[in-house]
């Protein structure tokens, strides 16, 4: 069994990047910045439950909360109130939630 053309091209591209880093043509910080930009482009917008990435967004959110330190407690309390208002609205209470953040 041989390696597919796509896999071979991917390995060659990775080796080319590695060589450019080794030779000083690409700085690791530049690669990191480019990766961050691409991650933001692909993942940085949360559209809601209809978004194909929704499950991943929720998973990452839970991980941030588990690790701690990413969202201050006062902001979490505000968002908890927003979610409680949404739940009440969904139950027919008629509340319109609005975040209280001052950003």
PDB file of N, CA and C in Angstrom:
ATOM      1  N   UNK A   1       0.818  -1.176   0.000  1.00  0.00           N
ATOM      2  CA  UNK A   1       0.000   0.000   0.000  1.00  0.00           C
ATOM      3  C   UNK A   1       0.867   1.247   0.000  1.00  0.00           C
ATOM      4  N   UNK A   2       0.625   2.142  -0.924  1.00  0.00           N
ATOM      5  CA  UNK A   2       1.386   3.381  -0.989  1.00  0.00           C
ATOM      6  C   UNK A   2       0.659   4.522  -0.310  1.00  0.00           C
ATOM      7  N   UNK A   3       1.387   5.575  -0.127  1.00  0.00           N
ATOM      8  CA  UNK A   3       0.806   6.765   0.489  1.00  0.00           C
ATOM      9  C   UNK A   3       0.023   7.526  -0.575  1.00  0.00           C
ATOM     10  N   UNK A   4      -1.153   8.035  -0.204  1.00  0.00           N
ATOM     11  CA  UNK A   4      -1.974   8.751  -1.171  1.00  0.00           C
ATOM     12  C   UNK A   4      -1.305  10.071  -1.557  1.00  0.00           C
ATOM     13  N   UNK A   5      -1.688  10.584  -2.703  1.00  0.00           N
ATOM     14  CA  UNK A   5      -1.151  11.850  -3.187  1.00  0.00           C
ATOM     15  C   UNK A   5      -1.464  12.978  -2.213  1.00  0.00           C
ATOM     16  N   UNK A   6      -2.686  12.986  -1.657  1.00  0.00           N
ATOM     17  CA  UNK A   6      -3.066  14.032  -0.704  1.00  0.00           C
ATOM     18  C   UNK A   6      -2.202  13.966   0.546  1.00  0.00           C
ATOM     19  N   UNK A   7      -1.991  12.768   1.071  1.00  0.00           N
ATOM     20  CA  UNK A   7      -1.171  12.618   2.271  1.00  0.00           C
ATOM     21  C   UNK A   7       0.271  13.012   1.990  1.00  0.00           C
ATOM     22  N   UNK A   8       0.777  12.604   0.832  1.00  0.00           N
ATOM     23  CA  UNK A   8       2.141  12.949   0.463  1.00  0.00           C
ATOM     24  C   UNK A   8       2.294  14.462   0.343  1.00  0.00           C
ATOM     25  N   UNK A   9       1.307  15.132  -0.257  1.00  0.00           N
ATOM     26  CA  UNK A   9       1.352  16.583  -0.403  1.00  0.00           C
ATOM     27  C   UNK A   9       1.318  17.262   0.965  1.00  0.00           C
ATOM     28  N   UNK A  10       0.503  16.737   1.876  1.00  0.00           N
ATOM     29  CA  UNK A  10       0.416  17.317   3.219  1.00  0.00           C
ATOM     30  C   UNK A  10       1.741  17.159   3.960  1.00  0.00           C
ATOM     31  N   UNK A  11       2.356  16.004   3.855  1.00  0.00           N
ATOM     32  CA  UNK A  11       3.649  15.769   4.518  1.00  0.00           C
ATOM     33  C   UNK A  11       4.708  16.683   3.920  1.00  0.00           C
ATOM     34  N   UNK A  12       4.735  16.807   2.619  1.00  0.00           N
ATOM     35  CA  UNK A  12       5.710  17.677   1.962  1.00  0.00           C
ATOM     36  C   UNK A  12       5.512  19.136   2.367  1.00  0.00           C
ATOM     37  N   UNK A  13       4.254  19.582   2.481  1.00  0.00           N
ATOM     38  CA  UNK A  13       3.974  20.954   2.900  1.00  0.00           C
ATOM     39  C   UNK A  13       4.457  21.176   4.332  1.00  0.00           C
ATOM     40  N   UNK A  14       4.169  20.217   5.217  1.00  0.00           N
ATOM     41  CA  UNK A  14       4.614  20.336   6.609  1.00  0.00           C
ATOM     42  C   UNK A  14       6.134  20.363   6.691  1.00  0.00           C
ATOM     43  N   UNK A  15       6.797  19.524   5.925  1.00  0.00           N
ATOM     44  CA  UNK A  15       8.258  19.501   5.925  1.00  0.00           C
ATOM     45  C   UNK A  15       8.830  20.803   5.374  1.00  0.00           C
ATOM     46  N   UNK A  16       8.164  21.367   4.394  1.00  0.00           N
ATOM     47  CA  UNK A  16       8.606  22.644   3.830  1.00  0.00           C
ATOM     48  C   UNK A  16       8.513  23.754   4.880  1.00  0.00           C
ATOM     49  N   UNK A  17       7.409  23.770   5.624  1.00  0.00           N
ATOM     50  CA  UNK A  17       7.258  24.759   6.693  1.00  0.00           C
ATOM     51  C   UNK A  17       8.324  24.545   7.760  1.00  0.00           C
ATOM     52  N   UNK A  18       8.538  23.283   8.146  1.00  0.00           N
ATOM     53  CA  UNK A  18       9.564  22.980   9.149  1.00  0.00           C
ATOM     54  C   UNK A  18      10.934  23.457   8.683  1.00  0.00           C
ATOM     55  N   UNK A  19      11.237  23.253   7.419  1.00  0.00           N
ATOM     56  CA  UNK A  19      12.521  23.701   6.880  1.00  0.00           C
ATOM     57  C   UNK A  19      12.620  25.221   6.892  1.00  0.00           C
ATOM     58  N   UNK A  20      11.519  25.905   6.545  1.00  0.00           N
ATOM     59  CA  UNK A  20      11.517  27.368   6.575  1.00  0.00           C
ATOM     60  C   UNK A  20      11.740  27.889   7.997  1.00  0.00           C
ATOM     61  N   UNK A  21      11.153  27.225   8.995  1.00  0.00           N
ATOM     62  CA  UNK A  21      11.374  27.619  10.390  1.00  0.00           C
ATOM     63  C   UNK A  21      12.828  27.379  10.771  1.00  0.00           C
ATOM     64  N   UNK A  22      13.346  26.212  10.421  1.00  0.00           N
ATOM     65  CA  UNK A  22      14.732  25.864  10.732  1.00  0.00           C
ATOM     66  C   UNK A  22      15.715  26.841  10.096  1.00  0.00           C
ATOM     67  N   UNK A  23      15.421  27.240   8.868  1.00  0.00           N
ATOM     68  CA  UNK A  23      16.302  28.163   8.150  1.00  0.00           C
ATOM     69  C   UNK A  23      16.075  29.626   8.519  1.00  0.00           C
ATOM     70  N   UNK A  24      15.099  29.900   9.376  1.00  0.00           N
ATOM     71  CA  UNK A  24      14.842  31.263   9.816  1.00  0.00           C
ATOM     72  C   UNK A  24      14.013  32.094   8.861  1.00  0.00           C
ATOM     73  N   UNK A  25      13.424  31.481   7.862  1.00  0.00           N
ATOM     74  CA  UNK A  25      12.582  32.221   6.914  1.00  0.00           C
ATOM     75  C   UNK A  25      11.192  32.487   7.487  1.00  0.00           C
ATOM     76  N   UNK A  26      10.768  31.645   8.429  1.00  0.00           N
ATOM     77  CA  UNK A  26       9.482  31.834   9.105  1.00  0.00           C
ATOM     78  C   UNK A  26       9.746  31.770  10.605  1.00  0.00           C
ATOM     79  N   UNK A  27       9.256  32.761  11.323  1.00  0.00           N
ATOM     80  CA  UNK A  27       9.399  32.774  12.779  1.00  0.00           C
ATOM     81  C   UNK A  27       8.236  31.991  13.403  1.00  0.00           C
ATOM     82  N   UNK A  28       8.514  31.184  14.417  1.00  0.00           N
ATOM     83  CA  UNK A  28       7.434  30.454  15.084  1.00  0.00           C
ATOM     84  C   UNK A  28       6.304  31.369  15.546  1.00  0.00           C
ATOM     85  N   UNK A  29       6.624  32.578  15.992  1.00  0.00           N
ATOM     86  CA  UNK A  29       5.585  33.523  16.424  1.00  0.00           C
ATOM     87  C   UNK A  29       4.660  33.888  15.268  1.00  0.00           C
ATOM     88  N   UNK A  30       5.224  33.977  14.053  1.00  0.00           N
ATOM     89  CA  UNK A  30       4.403  34.271  12.878  1.00  0.00           C
ATOM     90  C   UNK A  30       3.443  33.122  12.590  1.00  0.00           C
ATOM     91  N   UNK A  31       3.918  31.892  12.749  1.00  0.00           N
ATOM     92  CA  UNK A  31       3.061  30.728  12.553  1.00  0.00           C
ATOM     93  C   UNK A  31       1.940  30.714  13.590  1.00  0.00           C
ATOM     94  N   UNK A  32       2.293  31.043  14.823  1.00  0.00           N
ATOM     95  CA  UNK A  32       1.286  31.078  15.890  1.00  0.00           C
ATOM     96  C   UNK A  32       0.229  32.136  15.594  1.00  0.00           C
ATOM     97  N   UNK A  33       0.647  33.309  15.163  1.00  0.00           N
ATOM     98  CA  UNK A  33      -0.295  34.389  14.840  1.00  0.00           C
ATOM     99  C   UNK A  33      -1.199  33.983  13.681  1.00  0.00           C
ATOM    100  N   UNK A  34      -0.631  33.334  12.690  1.00  0.00           N
ATOM    101  CA  UNK A  34      -1.423  32.890  11.542  1.00  0.00           C
ATOM    102  C   UNK A  34      -2.417  31.813  11.966  1.00  0.00           C
ATOM    103  N   UNK A  35      -1.982  30.899  12.824  1.00  0.00           N
ATOM    104  CA  UNK A  35      -2.880  29.848  13.312  1.00  0.00           C
ATOM    105  C   UNK A  35      -4.027  30.465  14.118  1.00  0.00           C
ATOM    106  N   UNK A  36      -3.719  31.449  14.956  1.00  0.00           N
ATOM    107  CA  UNK A  36      -4.746  32.114  15.743  1.00  0.00           C
ATOM    108  C   UNK A  36      -5.758  32.812  14.840  1.00  0.00           C
ATOM    109  N   UNK A  37      -5.270  33.496  13.831  1.00  0.00           N
ATOM    110  CA  UNK A  37      -6.159  34.168  12.882  1.00  0.00           C
ATOM    111  C   UNK A  37      -7.079  33.167  12.202  1.00  0.00           C
ATOM    112  N   UNK A  38      -6.539  32.055  11.788  1.00  0.00           N
ATOM    113  CA  UNK A  38      -7.341  31.032  11.105  1.00  0.00           C
ATOM    114  C   UNK A  38      -8.351  30.405  12.064  1.00  0.00           C
ATOM    115  N   UNK A  39      -7.948  30.151  13.299  1.00  0.00           N
ATOM    116  CA  UNK A  39      -8.879  29.597  14.293  1.00  0.00           C
ATOM    117  C   UNK A  39     -10.038  30.560  14.538  1.00  0.00           C
ATOM    118  N   UNK A  40      -9.721  31.843  14.652  1.00  0.00           N
ATOM    119  CA  UNK A  40     -10.786  32.838  14.844  1.00  0.00           C
ATOM    120  C   UNK A  40     -11.732  32.860  13.653  1.00  0.00           C
ATOM    121  N   UNK A  41     -11.178  32.759  12.464  1.00  0.00           N
ATOM    122  CA  UNK A  41     -12.003  32.781  11.253  1.00  0.00           C
ATOM    123  C   UNK A  41     -12.945  31.584  11.231  1.00  0.00           C
ATOM    124  N   UNK A  42     -12.437  30.415  11.591  1.00  0.00           N
ATOM    125  CA  UNK A  42     -13.229  29.194  11.512  1.00  0.00           C
ATOM    126  C   UNK A  42     -14.146  28.984  12.715  1.00  0.00           C
ATOM    127  N   UNK A  43     -13.718  29.406  13.893  1.00  0.00           N
ATOM    128  CA  UNK A  43     -14.396  29.035  15.132  1.00  0.00           C
ATOM    129  C   UNK A  43     -14.870  30.219  15.956  1.00  0.00           C
ATOM    130  N   UNK A  44     -14.397  31.409  15.661  1.00  0.00           N
ATOM    131  CA  UNK A  44     -14.594  32.556  16.526  1.00  0.00           C
ATOM    132  C   UNK A  44     -15.968  33.195  16.517  1.00  0.00           C
ATOM    133  N   UNK A  45     -16.858  32.759  15.675  1.00  0.00           N
ATOM    134  CA  UNK A  45     -18.208  33.323  15.637  1.00  0.00           C
ATOM    135  C   UNK A  45     -19.185  32.249  16.085  1.00  0.00           C
ATOM    136  N   UNK A  46     -19.971  32.571  17.105  1.00  0.00           N
ATOM    137  CA  UNK A  46     -20.961  31.633  17.622  1.00  0.00           C
ATOM    138  C   UNK A  46     -22.325  32.066  17.094  1.00  0.00           C
ATOM    139  N   UNK A  47     -22.920  31.214  16.255  1.00  0.00           N
ATOM    140  CA  UNK A  47     -24.190  31.561  15.619  1.00  0.00           C
ATOM    141  C   UNK A  47     -25.396  30.971  16.336  1.00  0.00           C
ATOM    142  N   UNK A  48     -25.184  29.981  17.172  1.00  0.00           N
ATOM    143  CA  UNK A  48     -26.300  29.372  17.889  1.00  0.00           C
ATOM    144  C   UNK A  48     -26.481  27.915  17.535  1.00  0.00           C
ATOM    145  N   UNK A  49     -27.546  27.316  18.050  1.00  0.00           N
ATOM    146  CA  UNK A  49     -27.749  25.870  17.895  1.00  0.00           C
ATOM    147  C   UNK A  49     -27.772  25.362  16.455  1.00  0.00           C
ATOM    148  N   UNK A  50     -28.091  26.193  15.488  1.00  0.00           N
ATOM    149  CA  UNK A  50     -28.095  25.753  14.094  1.00  0.00           C
ATOM    150  C   UNK A  50     -26.714  25.682  13.469  1.00  0.00           C
ATOM    151  N   UNK A  51     -25.725  26.233  14.124  1.00  0.00           N
ATOM    152  CA  UNK A  51     -24.345  26.254  13.630  1.00  0.00           C
ATOM    153  C   UNK A  51     -23.748  24.850  13.730  1.00  0.00           C
ATOM    154  N   UNK A  52     -23.109  24.354  12.678  1.00  0.00           N
ATOM    155  CA  UNK A  52     -22.490  23.024  12.750  1.00  0.00           C
ATOM    156  C   UNK A  52     -21.432  22.909  13.849  1.00  0.00           C
ATOM    157  N   UNK A  53     -20.858  24.035  14.267  1.00  0.00           N
ATOM    158  CA  UNK A  53     -19.844  24.022  15.322  1.00  0.00           C
ATOM    159  C   UNK A  53     -20.433  24.224  16.718  1.00  0.00           C
ATOM    160  N   UNK A  54     -21.752  24.311  16.836  1.00  0.00           N
ATOM    161  CA  UNK A  54     -22.395  24.613  18.108  1.00  0.00           C
ATOM    162  C   UNK A  54     -21.955  23.666  19.229  1.00  0.00           C
ATOM    163  N   UNK A  55     -21.971  22.391  18.975  1.00  0.00           N
ATOM    164  CA  UNK A  55     -21.567  21.420  20.000  1.00  0.00           C
ATOM    165  C   UNK A  55     -20.144  21.665  20.475  1.00  0.00           C
ATOM    166  N   UNK A  56     -19.259  21.984  19.558  1.00  0.00           N
ATOM    167  CA  UNK A  56     -17.874  22.278  19.914  1.00  0.00           C
ATOM    168  C   UNK A  56     -17.779  23.575  20.709  1.00  0.00           C
ATOM    169  N   UNK A  57     -18.554  24.587  20.317  1.00  0.00           N
ATOM    170  CA  UNK A  57     -18.573  25.845  21.071  1.00  0.00           C
ATOM    171  C   UNK A  57     -18.991  25.596  22.519  1.00  0.00           C
ATOM    172  N   UNK A  58     -20.040  24.810  22.698  1.00  0.00           N
ATOM    173  CA  UNK A  58     -20.528  24.513  24.051  1.00  0.00           C
ATOM    174  C   UNK A  58     -19.469  23.740  24.837  1.00  0.00           C
ATOM    175  N   UNK A  59     -18.836  22.780  24.178  1.00  0.00           N
ATOM    176  CA  UNK A  59     -17.791  21.991  24.836  1.00  0.00           C
ATOM    177  C   UNK A  59     -16.629  22.882  25.287  1.00  0.00           C
ATOM    178  N   UNK A  60     -16.189  23.785  24.427  1.00  0.00           N
ATOM    179  CA  UNK A  60     -15.095  24.693  24.770  1.00  0.00           C
ATOM    180  C   UNK A  60     -15.519  25.614  25.910  1.00  0.00           C
ATOM    181  N   UNK A  61     -16.745  26.098  25.871  1.00  0.00           N
ATOM    182  CA  UNK A  61     -17.248  26.958  26.942  1.00  0.00           C
ATOM    183  C   UNK A  61     -17.186  26.222  28.279  1.00  0.00           C
ATOM    184  N   UNK A  62     -17.627  24.991  28.295  1.00  0.00           N
ATOM    185  CA  UNK A  62     -17.578  24.209  29.535  1.00  0.00           C
ATOM    186  C   UNK A  62     -16.140  24.009  30.009  1.00  0.00           C
ATOM    187  N   UNK A  63     -15.240  23.798  29.075  1.00  0.00           N
ATOM    188  CA  UNK A  63     -13.835  23.626  29.453  1.00  0.00           C
ATOM    189  C   UNK A  63     -13.266  24.912  30.057  1.00  0.00           C
ATOM    190  N   UNK A  64     -13.627  26.050  29.495  1.00  0.00           N
ATOM    191  CA  UNK A  64     -13.165  27.335  30.037  1.00  0.00           C
ATOM    192  C   UNK A  64     -13.655  27.487  31.470  1.00  0.00           C
ATOM    193  N   UNK A  65     -14.917  27.149  31.696  1.00  0.00           N
ATOM    194  CA  UNK A  65     -15.466  27.254  33.047  1.00  0.00           C
ATOM    195  C   UNK A  65     -14.798  26.263  33.996  1.00  0.00           C
ATOM    196  N   UNK A  66     -14.491  25.083  33.506  1.00  0.00           N
ATOM    197  CA  UNK A  66     -13.846  24.063  34.334  1.00  0.00           C
ATOM    198  C   UNK A  66     -12.438  24.489  34.744  1.00  0.00           C
ATOM    199  N   UNK A  67     -11.693  25.024  33.816  1.00  0.00           N
ATOM    200  CA  UNK A  67     -10.322  25.451  34.092  1.00  0.00           C
ATOM    201  C   UNK A  67     -10.323  26.646  35.035  1.00  0.00           C
ATOM    202  N   UNK A  68     -11.265  27.547  34.824  1.00  0.00           N
ATOM    203  CA  UNK A  68     -11.397  28.712  35.685  1.00  0.00           C
ATOM    204  C   UNK A  68     -10.499  29.854  35.266  1.00  0.00           C
ATOM    205  N   UNK A  69     -10.889  31.048  35.674  1.00  0.00           N
ATOM    206  CA  UNK A  69     -10.081  32.230  35.410  1.00  0.00           C
ATOM    207  C   UNK A  69     -10.357  32.913  34.084  1.00  0.00           C
ATOM    208  N   UNK A  70     -11.126  32.299  33.212  1.00  0.00           N
ATOM    209  CA  UNK A  70     -11.369  32.897  31.902  1.00  0.00           C
ATOM    210  C   UNK A  70     -12.472  33.934  31.899  1.00  0.00           C
ATOM    211  N   UNK A  71     -13.465  33.737  32.772  1.00  0.00           N
ATOM    212  CA  UNK A  71     -14.597  34.655  32.848  1.00  0.00           C
ATOM    213  C   UNK A  71     -14.799  35.010  34.314  1.00  0.00           C
ATOM    214  N   UNK A  72     -14.750  36.300  34.652  1.00  0.00           N
ATOM    215  CA  UNK A  72     -14.908  36.703  36.049  1.00  0.00           C
ATOM    216  C   UNK A  72     -16.269  36.298  36.613  1.00  0.00           C
ATOM    217  N   UNK A  73     -16.326  36.051  37.917  1.00  0.00           N
ATOM    218  CA  UNK A  73     -17.550  35.588  38.576  1.00  0.00           C
ATOM    219  C   UNK A  73     -18.709  36.556  38.388  1.00  0.00           C
ATOM    220  N   UNK A  74     -18.442  37.873  38.416  1.00  0.00           N
ATOM    221  CA  UNK A  74     -19.541  38.827  38.253  1.00  0.00           C
ATOM    222  C   UNK A  74     -20.145  38.741  36.853  1.00  0.00           C
ATOM    223  N   UNK A  75     -19.311  38.513  35.861  1.00  0.00           N
ATOM    224  CA  UNK A  75     -19.824  38.355  34.504  1.00  0.00           C
ATOM    225  C   UNK A  75     -20.599  37.045  34.383  1.00  0.00           C
ATOM    226  N   UNK A  76     -20.097  35.987  34.992  1.00  0.00           N
ATOM    227  CA  UNK A  76     -20.820  34.710  34.987  1.00  0.00           C
ATOM    228  C   UNK A  76     -22.195  34.864  35.630  1.00  0.00           C
ATOM    229  N   UNK A  77     -22.260  35.624  36.709  1.00  0.00           N
ATOM    230  CA  UNK A  77     -23.543  35.849  37.381  1.00  0.00           C
ATOM    231  C   UNK A  77     -24.516  36.584  36.453  1.00  0.00           C
ATOM    232  N   UNK A  78     -24.010  37.553  35.719  1.00  0.00           N
ATOM    233  CA  UNK A  78     -24.865  38.275  34.767  1.00  0.00           C
ATOM    234  C   UNK A  78     -25.388  37.345  33.682  1.00  0.00           C
ATOM    235  N   UNK A  79     -24.506  36.507  33.143  1.00  0.00           N
ATOM    236  CA  UNK A  79     -24.935  35.582  32.099  1.00  0.00           C
ATOM    237  C   UNK A  79     -25.866  34.508  32.647  1.00  0.00           C
ATOM    238  N   UNK A  80     -25.673  34.118  33.910  1.00  0.00           N
ATOM    239  CA  UNK A  80     -26.598  33.170  34.535  1.00  0.00           C
ATOM    240  C   UNK A  80     -27.992  33.800  34.630  1.00  0.00           C
ATOM    241  N   UNK A  81     -28.044  35.089  34.951  1.00  0.00           N
ATOM    242  CA  UNK A  81     -29.328  35.785  35.013  1.00  0.00           C
ATOM    243  C   UNK A  81     -29.969  35.871  33.624  1.00  0.00           C
ATOM    244  N   UNK A  82     -29.160  36.107  32.608  1.00  0.00           N
ATOM    245  CA  UNK A  82     -29.672  36.148  31.237  1.00  0.00           C
ATOM    246  C   UNK A  82     -30.265  34.790  30.859  1.00  0.00           C
ATOM    247  N   UNK A  83     -29.549  33.729  31.178  1.00  0.00           N
ATOM    248  CA  UNK A  83     -30.032  32.385  30.838  1.00  0.00           C
ATOM    249  C   UNK A  83     -31.297  32.047  31.618  1.00  0.00           C
ATOM    250  N   UNK A  84     -31.358  32.442  32.896  1.00  0.00           N
ATOM    251  CA  UNK A  84     -32.564  32.207  33.694  1.00  0.00           C
ATOM    252  C   UNK A  84     -33.752  32.955  33.090  1.00  0.00           C
ATOM    253  N   UNK A  85     -33.520  34.179  32.615  1.00  0.00           N
ATOM    254  CA  UNK A  85     -34.585  34.943  31.973  1.00  0.00           C
ATOM    255  C   UNK A  85     -35.036  34.271  30.681  1.00  0.00           C
ATOM    256  N   UNK A  86     -34.104  33.727  29.935  1.00  0.00           N
ATOM    257  CA  UNK A  86     -34.465  32.991  28.712  1.00  0.00           C
ATOM    258  C   UNK A  86     -35.314  31.781  29.058  1.00  0.00           C
ATOM    259  N   UNK A  87     -34.904  31.059  30.097  1.00  0.00           N
ATOM    260  CA  UNK A  87     -35.671  29.891  30.530  1.00  0.00           C
ATOM    261  C   UNK A  87     -37.090  30.299  30.923  1.00  0.00           C
ATOM    262  N   UNK A  88     -37.216  31.418  31.654  1.00  0.00           N
ATOM    263  CA  UNK A  88     -38.528  31.905  32.060  1.00  0.00           C
ATOM    264  C   UNK A  88     -39.354  32.292  30.840  1.00  0.00           C
ATOM    265  N   UNK A  89     -38.698  32.938  29.878  1.00  0.00           N
ATOM    266  CA  UNK A  89     -39.378  33.337  28.653  1.00  0.00           C
ATOM    267  C   UNK A  89     -39.859  32.114  27.888  1.00  0.00           C
ATOM    268  N   UNK A  90     -39.004  31.096  27.796  1.00  0.00           N
ATOM    269  CA  UNK A  90     -39.378  29.859  27.113  1.00  0.00           C
ATOM    270  C   UNK A  90     -40.540  29.168  27.814  1.00  0.00           C
ATOM    271  N   UNK A  91     -40.645  29.394  29.125  1.00  0.00           N
ATOM    272  CA  UNK A  91     -41.736  28.800  29.902  1.00  0.00           C
ATOM    273  C   UNK A  91     -43.016  29.632  29.798  1.00  0.00           C
ATOM    274  N   UNK A  92     -42.945  30.761  29.074  1.00  0.00           N
ATOM    275  CA  UNK A  92     -44.124  31.579  28.861  1.00  0.00           C
ATOM    276  C   UNK A  92     -44.291  32.728  29.826  1.00  0.00           C
ATOM    277  N   UNK A  93     -43.260  33.048  30.587  1.00  0.00           N
ATOM    278  CA  UNK A  93     -43.348  34.136  31.556  1.00  0.00           C
ATOM    279  C   UNK A  93     -43.266  35.497  30.855  1.00  0.00           C
ATOM    280  N   UNK A  94     -42.651  35.541  29.682  1.00  0.00           N
ATOM    281  CA  UNK A  94     -42.604  36.765  28.890  1.00  0.00           C
ATOM    282  C   UNK A  94     -41.500  37.736  29.261  1.00  0.00           C
ATOM    283  N   UNK A  95     -40.361  37.234  29.675  1.00  0.00           N
ATOM    284  CA  UNK A  95     -39.215  38.077  30.012  1.00  0.00           C
ATOM    285  C   UNK A  95     -38.329  38.199  28.793  1.00  0.00           C
ATOM    286  N   UNK A  96     -37.796  39.400  28.541  1.00  0.00           N
ATOM    287  CA  UNK A  96     -36.884  39.620  27.429  1.00  0.00           C
ATOM    288  C   UNK A  96     -35.487  39.851  27.989  1.00  0.00           C
ATOM    289  N   UNK A  97     -34.594  38.840  27.957  1.00  0.00           N
ATOM    290  CA  UNK A  97     -33.274  38.990  28.566  1.00  0.00           C
ATOM    291  C   UNK A  97     -32.374  39.942  27.803  1.00  0.00           C
ATOM    292  N   UNK A  98     -31.642  40.762  28.543  1.00  0.00           N
ATOM    293  CA  UNK A  98     -30.659  41.657  27.966  1.00  0.00           C
ATOM    294  C   UNK A  98     -29.407  41.605  28.833  1.00  0.00           C
ATOM    295  N   UNK A  99     -28.249  41.289  28.240  1.00  0.00           N
ATOM    296  CA  UNK A  99     -27.023  41.263  29.036  1.00  0.00           C
ATOM    297  C   UNK A  99     -26.747  42.637  29.664  1.00  0.00           C
ATOM    298  N   UNK A 100     -26.169  42.641  30.842  1.00  0.00           N
ATOM    299  CA  UNK A 100     -25.888  43.859  31.569  1.00  0.00           C
ATOM    300  C   UNK A 100     -24.440  44.286  31.452  1.00  0.00           C
ATOM    301  N   UNK A 101     -23.685  43.661  30.584  1.00  0.00           N
ATOM    302  CA  UNK A 101     -22.249  43.917  30.484  1.00  0.00           C
ATOM    303  C   UNK A 101     -21.984  45.330  30.014  1.00  0.00           C
ATOM    304  N   UNK A 102     -20.934  45.899  30.536  1.00  0.00           N
ATOM    305  CA  UNK A 102     -20.533  47.260  30.177  1.00  0.00           C
ATOM    306  C   UNK A 102     -19.307  47.262  29.284  1.00  0.00           C
ATOM    307  N   UNK A 103     -19.193  46.339  28.386  1.00  0.00           N
ATOM    308  CA  UNK A 103     -18.019  46.239  27.508  1.00  0.00           C
ATOM    309  C   UNK A 103     -18.130  47.186  26.350  1.00  0.00           C
TER     310      UNK A 103
END
